[in-house]
Amino acid sequence: MAVIIIIFALAVGITLLGLLLKILKGPIKLIWKLFLHAIMGFVFLFIFNFLAAFVDLSIPITWLNAVITGVLGVPGVILLLILQLI
C-alpha cells in the first residue's frame, strides 16, 4: 500500500512540475531574449563609442542604455544621442 502512495505522489509531482514549466516557458523565453538583446546592445554601444571617439561623441554603457540599444537598434542609439545632447 505504501508503494502505491509513493508512486502516486511521484506521478502528481512530475505532473505539477510539467505544468509549472509549461506556465513559465513564456516568461523565461522573454527574459532570455531581453538578456541576449542587452548583450548585443553592449557590443553595439562599445563599437559605437570606439568609432564615435573620432568626432568626440560618447554614450555611457549602462544596462538601461544596452537594453534600449538592443531592443530598438539604430533608432535606440539615435534616441540616446538626442537625449544626451539635450
PDB file of N, CA and C in Angstrom:
ATOM      1  N   MET A   1       0.814  -1.193   0.000  1.00  0.00           N
ATOM      2  CA  MET A   1       0.000   0.000   0.000  1.00  0.00           C
ATOM      3  C   MET A   1       0.862   1.263   0.000  1.00  0.00           C
ATOM      4  N   ALA A   2       1.977   1.245   0.747  1.00  0.00           N
ATOM      5  CA  ALA A   2       2.853   2.413   0.821  1.00  0.00           C
ATOM      6  C   ALA A   2       3.530   2.683  -0.523  1.00  0.00           C
ATOM      7  N   VAL A   3       3.808   1.616  -1.255  1.00  0.00           N
ATOM      8  CA  VAL A   3       4.447   1.776  -2.564  1.00  0.00           C
ATOM      9  C   VAL A   3       3.509   2.488  -3.533  1.00  0.00           C
ATOM     10  N   ILE A   4       2.225   2.167  -3.463  1.00  0.00           N
ATOM     11  CA  ILE A   4       1.243   2.793  -4.345  1.00  0.00           C
ATOM     12  C   ILE A   4       1.133   4.293  -4.040  1.00  0.00           C
ATOM     13  N   ILE A   5       1.171   4.645  -2.777  1.00  0.00           N
ATOM     14  CA  ILE A   5       1.103   6.056  -2.389  1.00  0.00           C
ATOM     15  C   ILE A   5       2.335   6.804  -2.879  1.00  0.00           C
ATOM     16  N   ILE A   6       3.507   6.179  -2.773  1.00  0.00           N
ATOM     17  CA  ILE A   6       4.745   6.810  -3.242  1.00  0.00           C
ATOM     18  C   ILE A   6       4.709   7.007  -4.753  1.00  0.00           C
ATOM     19  N   ILE A   7       4.259   6.009  -5.480  1.00  0.00           N
ATOM     20  CA  ILE A   7       4.169   6.111  -6.939  1.00  0.00           C
ATOM     21  C   ILE A   7       3.165   7.192  -7.337  1.00  0.00           C
ATOM     22  N   PHE A   8       2.016   7.239  -6.635  1.00  0.00           N
ATOM     23  CA  PHE A   8       1.010   8.252  -6.916  1.00  0.00           C
ATOM     24  C   PHE A   8       1.554   9.654  -6.634  1.00  0.00           C
ATOM     25  N   ALA A   9       2.252   9.833  -5.514  1.00  0.00           N
ATOM     26  CA  ALA A   9       2.829  11.131  -5.161  1.00  0.00           C
ATOM     27  C   ALA A   9       3.877  11.549  -6.182  1.00  0.00           C
ATOM     28  N   LEU A  10       4.668  10.602  -6.638  1.00  0.00           N
ATOM     29  CA  LEU A  10       5.682  10.893  -7.657  1.00  0.00           C
ATOM     30  C   LEU A  10       5.030  11.319  -8.966  1.00  0.00           C
ATOM     31  N   ALA A  11       3.955  10.640  -9.367  1.00  0.00           N
ATOM     32  CA  ALA A  11       3.248  10.995 -10.600  1.00  0.00           C
ATOM     33  C   ALA A  11       2.639  12.386 -10.493  1.00  0.00           C
ATOM     34  N   VAL A  12       2.046  12.701  -9.346  1.00  0.00           N
ATOM     35  CA  VAL A  12       1.459  14.028  -9.150  1.00  0.00           C
ATOM     36  C   VAL A  12       2.559  15.094  -9.171  1.00  0.00           C
ATOM     37  N   GLY A  13       3.686  14.803  -8.525  1.00  0.00           N
ATOM     38  CA  GLY A  13       4.805  15.748  -8.509  1.00  0.00           C
ATOM     39  C   GLY A  13       5.347  16.023  -9.897  1.00  0.00           C
ATOM     40  N   ILE A  14       5.509  14.987 -10.688  1.00  0.00           N
ATOM     41  CA  ILE A  14       6.012  15.153 -12.055  1.00  0.00           C
ATOM     42  C   ILE A  14       5.014  15.938 -12.903  1.00  0.00           C
ATOM     43  N   THR A  15       3.726  15.657 -12.723  1.00  0.00           N
ATOM     44  CA  THR A  15       2.700  16.383 -13.465  1.00  0.00           C
ATOM     45  C   THR A  15       2.698  17.867 -13.092  1.00  0.00           C
ATOM     46  N   LEU A  16       2.780  18.165 -11.796  1.00  0.00           N
ATOM     47  CA  LEU A  16       2.822  19.564 -11.366  1.00  0.00           C
ATOM     48  C   LEU A  16       4.067  20.274 -11.859  1.00  0.00           C
ATOM     49  N   LEU A  17       5.200  19.585 -11.856  1.00  0.00           N
ATOM     50  CA  LEU A  17       6.434  20.175 -12.375  1.00  0.00           C
ATOM     51  C   LEU A  17       6.304  20.473 -13.866  1.00  0.00           C
ATOM     52  N   GLY A  18       5.700  19.563 -14.618  1.00  0.00           N
ATOM     53  CA  GLY A  18       5.474  19.791 -16.043  1.00  0.00           C
ATOM     54  C   GLY A  18       4.565  20.983 -16.299  1.00  0.00           C
ATOM     55  N   LEU A  19       3.500  21.100 -15.505  1.00  0.00           N
ATOM     56  CA  LEU A  19       2.603  22.247 -15.648  1.00  0.00           C
ATOM     57  C   LEU A  19       3.307  23.550 -15.297  1.00  0.00           C
ATOM     58  N   LEU A  20       4.111  23.545 -14.248  1.00  0.00           N
ATOM     59  CA  LEU A  20       4.846  24.741 -13.859  1.00  0.00           C
ATOM     60  C   LEU A  20       5.809  25.180 -14.957  1.00  0.00           C
ATOM     61  N   LEU A  21       6.524  24.218 -15.536  1.00  0.00           N
ATOM     62  CA  LEU A  21       7.455  24.553 -16.618  1.00  0.00           C
ATOM     63  C   LEU A  21       6.717  25.077 -17.846  1.00  0.00           C
ATOM     64  N   LYS A  22       5.538  24.519 -18.111  1.00  0.00           N
ATOM     65  CA  LYS A  22       4.755  24.990 -19.255  1.00  0.00           C
ATOM     66  C   LYS A  22       4.260  26.415 -19.031  1.00  0.00           C
ATOM     67  N   ILE A  23       3.864  26.727 -17.791  1.00  0.00           N
ATOM     68  CA  ILE A  23       3.387  28.064 -17.469  1.00  0.00           C
ATOM     69  C   ILE A  23       4.526  29.080 -17.549  1.00  0.00           C
ATOM     70  N   LEU A  24       5.717  28.710 -17.070  1.00  0.00           N
ATOM     71  CA  LEU A  24       6.843  29.639 -17.025  1.00  0.00           C
ATOM     72  C   LEU A  24       7.658  29.690 -18.314  1.00  0.00           C
ATOM     73  N   LYS A  25       7.303  28.865 -19.284  1.00  0.00           N
ATOM     74  CA  LYS A  25       8.066  28.820 -20.536  1.00  0.00           C
ATOM     75  C   LYS A  25       8.071  30.163 -21.251  1.00  0.00           C
ATOM     76  N   GLY A  26       6.947  30.840 -21.313  1.00  0.00           N
ATOM     77  CA  GLY A  26       6.846  32.133 -21.998  1.00  0.00           C
ATOM     78  C   GLY A  26       7.672  33.209 -21.328  1.00  0.00           C
ATOM     79  N   PRO A  27       7.493  33.438 -20.013  1.00  0.00           N
ATOM     80  CA  PRO A  27       8.286  34.484 -19.354  1.00  0.00           C
ATOM     81  C   PRO A  27       9.785  34.214 -19.368  1.00  0.00           C
ATOM     82  N   ILE A  28      10.181  32.950 -19.208  1.00  0.00           N
ATOM     83  CA  ILE A  28      11.614  32.631 -19.235  1.00  0.00           C
ATOM     84  C   ILE A  28      12.180  32.909 -20.623  1.00  0.00           C
ATOM     85  N   LYS A  29      11.421  32.580 -21.647  1.00  0.00           N
ATOM     86  CA  LYS A  29      11.860  32.846 -23.016  1.00  0.00           C
ATOM     87  C   LYS A  29      11.992  34.347 -23.258  1.00  0.00           C
ATOM     88  N   LEU A  30      11.062  35.126 -22.732  1.00  0.00           N
ATOM     89  CA  LEU A  30      11.100  36.576 -22.880  1.00  0.00           C
ATOM     90  C   LEU A  30      12.308  37.170 -22.147  1.00  0.00           C
ATOM     91  N   ILE A  31      12.551  36.709 -20.931  1.00  0.00           N
ATOM     92  CA  ILE A  31      13.700  37.204 -20.164  1.00  0.00           C
ATOM     93  C   ILE A  31      14.996  36.849 -20.866  1.00  0.00           C
ATOM     94  N   TRP A  32      15.112  35.638 -21.394  1.00  0.00           N
ATOM     95  CA  TRP A  32      16.315  35.219 -22.114  1.00  0.00           C
ATOM     96  C   TRP A  32      16.522  36.083 -23.362  1.00  0.00           C
ATOM     97  N   LYS A  33      15.443  36.362 -24.090  1.00  0.00           N
ATOM     98  CA  LYS A  33      15.540  37.187 -25.292  1.00  0.00           C
ATOM     99  C   LYS A  33      15.969  38.609 -24.936  1.00  0.00           C
ATOM    100  N   LEU A  34      15.426  39.170 -23.854  1.00  0.00           N
ATOM    101  CA  LEU A  34      15.810  40.507 -23.412  1.00  0.00           C
ATOM    102  C   LEU A  34      17.286  40.537 -23.002  1.00  0.00           C
ATOM    103  N   PHE A  35      17.746  39.487 -22.336  1.00  0.00           N
ATOM    104  CA  PHE A  35      19.151  39.401 -21.940  1.00  0.00           C
ATOM    105  C   PHE A  35      20.067  39.359 -23.170  1.00  0.00           C
ATOM    106  N   LEU A  36      19.711  38.559 -24.166  1.00  0.00           N
ATOM    107  CA  LEU A  36      20.531  38.492 -25.385  1.00  0.00           C
ATOM    108  C   LEU A  36      20.550  39.828 -26.121  1.00  0.00           C
ATOM    109  N   HIS A  37      19.421  40.510 -26.164  1.00  0.00           N
ATOM    110  CA  HIS A  37      19.371  41.829 -26.800  1.00  0.00           C
ATOM    111  C   HIS A  37      20.224  42.835 -26.032  1.00  0.00           C
ATOM    112  N   ALA A  38      20.233  42.728 -24.710  1.00  0.00           N
ATOM    113  CA  ALA A  38      21.064  43.629 -23.904  1.00  0.00           C
ATOM    114  C   ALA A  38      22.543  43.386 -24.180  1.00  0.00           C
ATOM    115  N   ILE A  39      22.947  42.131 -24.318  1.00  0.00           N
ATOM    116  CA  ILE A  39      24.342  41.816 -24.644  1.00  0.00           C
ATOM    117  C   ILE A  39      24.697  42.389 -26.009  1.00  0.00           C
ATOM    118  N   MET A  40      23.807  42.234 -26.978  1.00  0.00           N
ATOM    119  CA  MET A  40      24.059  42.815 -28.304  1.00  0.00           C
ATOM    120  C   MET A  40      24.124  44.334 -28.223  1.00  0.00           C
ATOM    121  N   GLY A  41      23.304  44.925 -27.361  1.00  0.00           N
ATOM    122  CA  GLY A  41      23.347  46.375 -27.163  1.00  0.00           C
ATOM    123  C   GLY A  41      24.666  46.829 -26.577  1.00  0.00           C
ATOM    124  N   PHE A  42      25.211  46.056 -25.597  1.00  0.00           N
ATOM    125  CA  PHE A  42      26.524  46.375 -25.040  1.00  0.00           C
ATOM    126  C   PHE A  42      27.593  46.375 -26.131  1.00  0.00           C
ATOM    127  N   VAL A  43      27.570  45.348 -26.957  1.00  0.00           N
ATOM    128  CA  VAL A  43      28.563  45.246 -28.034  1.00  0.00           C
ATOM    129  C   VAL A  43      28.404  46.409 -29.009  1.00  0.00           C
ATOM    130  N   PHE A  44      27.166  46.714 -29.373  1.00  0.00           N
ATOM    131  CA  PHE A  44      26.922  47.803 -30.316  1.00  0.00           C
ATOM    132  C   PHE A  44      27.360  49.141 -29.732  1.00  0.00           C
ATOM    133  N   LEU A  45      27.060  49.380 -28.449  1.00  0.00           N
ATOM    134  CA  LEU A  45      27.490  50.634 -27.815  1.00  0.00           C
ATOM    135  C   LEU A  45      29.005  50.724 -27.722  1.00  0.00           C
ATOM    136  N   PHE A  46      29.655  49.604 -27.448  1.00  0.00           N
ATOM    137  CA  PHE A  46      31.116  49.599 -27.390  1.00  0.00           C
ATOM    138  C   PHE A  46      31.710  49.968 -28.747  1.00  0.00           C
ATOM    139  N   ILE A  47      31.191  49.362 -29.801  1.00  0.00           N
ATOM    140  CA  ILE A  47      31.682  49.669 -31.156  1.00  0.00           C
ATOM    141  C   ILE A  47      31.367  51.123 -31.511  1.00  0.00           C
ATOM    142  N   PHE A  48      30.147  51.571 -31.170  1.00  0.00           N
ATOM    143  CA  PHE A  48      29.766  52.951 -31.455  1.00  0.00           C
ATOM    144  C   PHE A  48      30.692  53.924 -30.738  1.00  0.00           C
ATOM    145  N   ASN A  49      30.959  53.688 -29.451  1.00  0.00           N
ATOM    146  CA  ASN A  49      31.832  54.587 -28.689  1.00  0.00           C
ATOM    147  C   ASN A  49      33.253  54.591 -29.254  1.00  0.00           C
ATOM    148  N   PHE A  50      33.703  53.446 -29.728  1.00  0.00           N
ATOM    149  CA  PHE A  50      35.036  53.373 -30.327  1.00  0.00           C
ATOM    150  C   PHE A  50      35.100  54.217 -31.598  1.00  0.00           C
ATOM    151  N   LEU A  51      34.086  54.072 -32.458  1.00  0.00           N
ATOM    152  CA  LEU A  51      34.091  54.801 -33.726  1.00  0.00           C
ATOM    153  C   LEU A  51      33.724  56.279 -33.541  1.00  0.00           C
ATOM    154  N   ALA A  52      32.854  56.587 -32.581  1.00  0.00           N
ATOM    155  CA  ALA A  52      32.420  57.965 -32.384  1.00  0.00           C
ATOM    156  C   ALA A  52      33.445  58.793 -31.614  1.00  0.00           C
ATOM    157  N   ALA A  53      34.477  58.165 -31.084  1.00  0.00           N
ATOM    158  CA  ALA A  53      35.508  58.910 -30.361  1.00  0.00           C
ATOM    159  C   ALA A  53      36.245  59.871 -31.297  1.00  0.00           C
ATOM    160  N   PHE A  54      36.236  59.568 -32.577  1.00  0.00           N
ATOM    161  CA  PHE A  54      36.914  60.435 -33.537  1.00  0.00           C
ATOM    162  C   PHE A  54      36.205  61.776 -33.697  1.00  0.00           C
ATOM    163  N   VAL A  55      34.906  61.829 -33.415  1.00  0.00           N
ATOM    164  CA  VAL A  55      34.153  63.074 -33.518  1.00  0.00           C
ATOM    165  C   VAL A  55      33.680  63.549 -32.145  1.00  0.00           C
ATOM    166  N   ASP A  56      34.289  63.035 -31.106  1.00  0.00           N
ATOM    167  CA  ASP A  56      34.043  63.450 -29.721  1.00  0.00           C
ATOM    168  C   ASP A  56      32.604  63.202 -29.273  1.00  0.00           C
ATOM    169  N   LEU A  57      32.066  62.033 -29.616  1.00  0.00           N
ATOM    170  CA  LEU A  57      30.753  61.605 -29.135  1.00  0.00           C
ATOM    171  C   LEU A  57      30.938  60.383 -28.248  1.00  0.00           C
ATOM    172  N   SER A  58      30.056  60.234 -27.290  1.00  0.00           N
ATOM    173  CA  SER A  58      30.141  59.089 -26.398  1.00  0.00           C
ATOM    174  C   SER A  58      28.786  58.854 -25.755  1.00  0.00           C
ATOM    175  N   ILE A  59      28.413  57.583 -25.634  1.00  0.00           N
ATOM    176  CA  ILE A  59      27.207  57.185 -24.914  1.00  0.00           C
ATOM    177  C   ILE A  59      27.665  56.274 -23.781  1.00  0.00           C
ATOM    178  N   PRO A  60      27.306  56.597 -22.542  1.00  0.00           N
ATOM    179  CA  PRO A  60      27.707  55.734 -21.420  1.00  0.00           C
ATOM    180  C   PRO A  60      27.131  54.329 -21.586  1.00  0.00           C
ATOM    181  N   ILE A  61      27.928  53.335 -21.277  1.00  0.00           N
ATOM    182  CA  ILE A  61      27.471  51.955 -21.394  1.00  0.00           C
ATOM    183  C   ILE A  61      26.909  51.520 -20.047  1.00  0.00           C
ATOM    184  N   THR A  62      25.567  51.500 -19.969  1.00  0.00           N
ATOM    185  CA  THR A  62      24.860  51.036 -18.786  1.00  0.00           C
ATOM    186  C   THR A  62      23.860  49.966 -19.216  1.00  0.00           C
ATOM    187  N   TRP A  63      23.284  49.272 -18.227  1.00  0.00           N
ATOM    188  CA  TRP A  63      22.303  48.245 -18.571  1.00  0.00           C
ATOM    189  C   TRP A  63      21.100  48.854 -19.285  1.00  0.00           C
ATOM    190  N   LEU A  64      20.642  49.998 -18.823  1.00  0.00           N
ATOM    191  CA  LEU A  64      19.478  50.624 -19.451  1.00  0.00           C
ATOM    192  C   LEU A  64      19.782  51.018 -20.894  1.00  0.00           C
ATOM    193  N   ASN A  65      20.929  51.635 -21.120  1.00  0.00           N
ATOM    194  CA  ASN A  65      21.313  52.006 -22.486  1.00  0.00           C
ATOM    195  C   ASN A  65      21.488  50.772 -23.363  1.00  0.00           C
ATOM    196  N   ALA A  66      22.037  49.711 -22.803  1.00  0.00           N
ATOM    197  CA  ALA A  66      22.230  48.479 -23.582  1.00  0.00           C
ATOM    198  C   ALA A  66      20.890  47.860 -23.961  1.00  0.00           C
ATOM    199  N   VAL A  67      19.939  47.860 -23.041  1.00  0.00           N
ATOM    200  CA  VAL A  67      18.620  47.299 -23.354  1.00  0.00           C
ATOM    201  C   VAL A  67      17.921  48.163 -24.397  1.00  0.00           C
ATOM    202  N   ILE A  68      17.997  49.479 -24.262  1.00  0.00           N
ATOM    203  CA  ILE A  68      17.382  50.369 -25.249  1.00  0.00           C
ATOM    204  C   ILE A  68      18.004  50.140 -26.621  1.00  0.00           C
ATOM    205  N   THR A  69      19.328  50.053 -26.665  1.00  0.00           N
ATOM    206  CA  THR A  69      20.012  49.820 -27.942  1.00  0.00           C
ATOM    207  C   THR A  69      19.708  48.432 -28.484  1.00  0.00           C
ATOM    208  N   GLY A  70      19.692  47.429 -27.616  1.00  0.00           N
ATOM    209  CA  GLY A  70      19.430  46.069 -28.064  1.00  0.00           C
ATOM    210  C   GLY A  70      18.025  45.882 -28.587  1.00  0.00           C
ATOM    211  N   VAL A  71      17.056  46.516 -27.956  1.00  0.00           N
ATOM    212  CA  VAL A  71      15.665  46.349 -28.379  1.00  0.00           C
ATOM    213  C   VAL A  71      15.339  47.231 -29.581  1.00  0.00           C
ATOM    214  N   LEU A  72      15.784  48.485 -29.554  1.00  0.00           N
ATOM    215  CA  LEU A  72      15.420  49.417 -30.625  1.00  0.00           C
ATOM    216  C   LEU A  72      16.423  49.458 -31.779  1.00  0.00           C
ATOM    217  N   GLY A  73      17.641  49.002 -31.547  1.00  0.00           N
ATOM    218  CA  GLY A  73      18.649  49.003 -32.599  1.00  0.00           C
ATOM    219  C   GLY A  73      19.194  50.400 -32.865  1.00  0.00           C
ATOM    220  N   VAL A  74      19.371  50.734 -34.130  1.00  0.00           N
ATOM    221  CA  VAL A  74      19.930  52.024 -34.524  1.00  0.00           C
ATOM    222  C   VAL A  74      19.050  53.194 -34.066  1.00  0.00           C
ATOM    223  N   PRO A  75      17.713  53.102 -34.169  1.00  0.00           N
ATOM    224  CA  PRO A  75      16.909  54.201 -33.620  1.00  0.00           C
ATOM    225  C   PRO A  75      17.130  54.400 -32.114  1.00  0.00           C
ATOM    226  N   GLY A  76      17.439  53.333 -31.398  1.00  0.00           N
ATOM    227  CA  GLY A  76      17.745  53.454 -29.980  1.00  0.00           C
ATOM    228  C   GLY A  76      19.016  54.240 -29.735  1.00  0.00           C
ATOM    229  N   VAL A  77      20.022  54.020 -30.578  1.00  0.00           N
ATOM    230  CA  VAL A  77      21.276  54.783 -30.459  1.00  0.00           C
ATOM    231  C   VAL A  77      21.009  56.253 -30.768  1.00  0.00           C
ATOM    232  N   ILE A  78      20.220  56.513 -31.786  1.00  0.00           N
ATOM    233  CA  ILE A  78      19.886  57.899 -32.136  1.00  0.00           C
ATOM    234  C   ILE A  78      19.115  58.550 -30.991  1.00  0.00           C
ATOM    235  N   LEU A  79      18.185  57.812 -30.393  1.00  0.00           N
ATOM    236  CA  LEU A  79      17.433  58.325 -29.250  1.00  0.00           C
ATOM    237  C   LEU A  79      18.375  58.658 -28.088  1.00  0.00           C
ATOM    238  N   LEU A  80      19.316  57.784 -27.790  1.00  0.00           N
ATOM    239  CA  LEU A  80      20.265  58.038 -26.695  1.00  0.00           C
ATOM    240  C   LEU A  80      21.148  59.232 -26.999  1.00  0.00           C
ATOM    241  N   LEU A  81      21.549  59.385 -28.265  1.00  0.00           N
ATOM    242  CA  LEU A  81      22.357  60.554 -28.631  1.00  0.00           C
ATOM    243  C   LEU A  81      21.564  61.847 -28.454  1.00  0.00           C
ATOM    244  N   ILE A  82      20.308  61.843 -28.885  1.00  0.00           N
ATOM    245  CA  ILE A  82      19.479  63.043 -28.743  1.00  0.00           C
ATOM    246  C   ILE A  82      19.261  63.361 -27.270  1.00  0.00           C
ATOM    247  N   LEU A  83      18.998  62.334 -26.471  1.00  0.00           N
ATOM    248  CA  LEU A  83      18.798  62.576 -25.039  1.00  0.00           C
ATOM    249  C   LEU A  83      20.053  63.099 -24.358  1.00  0.00           C
ATOM    250  N   GLN A  84      21.205  62.651 -24.822  1.00  0.00           N
ATOM    251  CA  GLN A  84      22.458  63.120 -24.231  1.00  0.00           C
ATOM    252  C   GLN A  84      22.784  64.548 -24.665  1.00  0.00           C
ATOM    253  N   LEU A  85      22.431  64.906 -25.878  1.00  0.00           N
ATOM    254  CA  LEU A  85      22.741  66.250 -26.379  1.00  0.00           C
ATOM    255  C   LEU A  85      21.796  67.319 -25.839  1.00  0.00           C
ATOM    256  N   ILE A  86      20.654  66.898 -25.295  1.00  0.00           N
ATOM    257  CA  ILE A  86      19.689  67.870 -24.747  1.00  0.00           C
ATOM    258  C   ILE A  86      20.207  68.434 -23.447  1.00  0.00           C
TER     259      ILE A  86
END
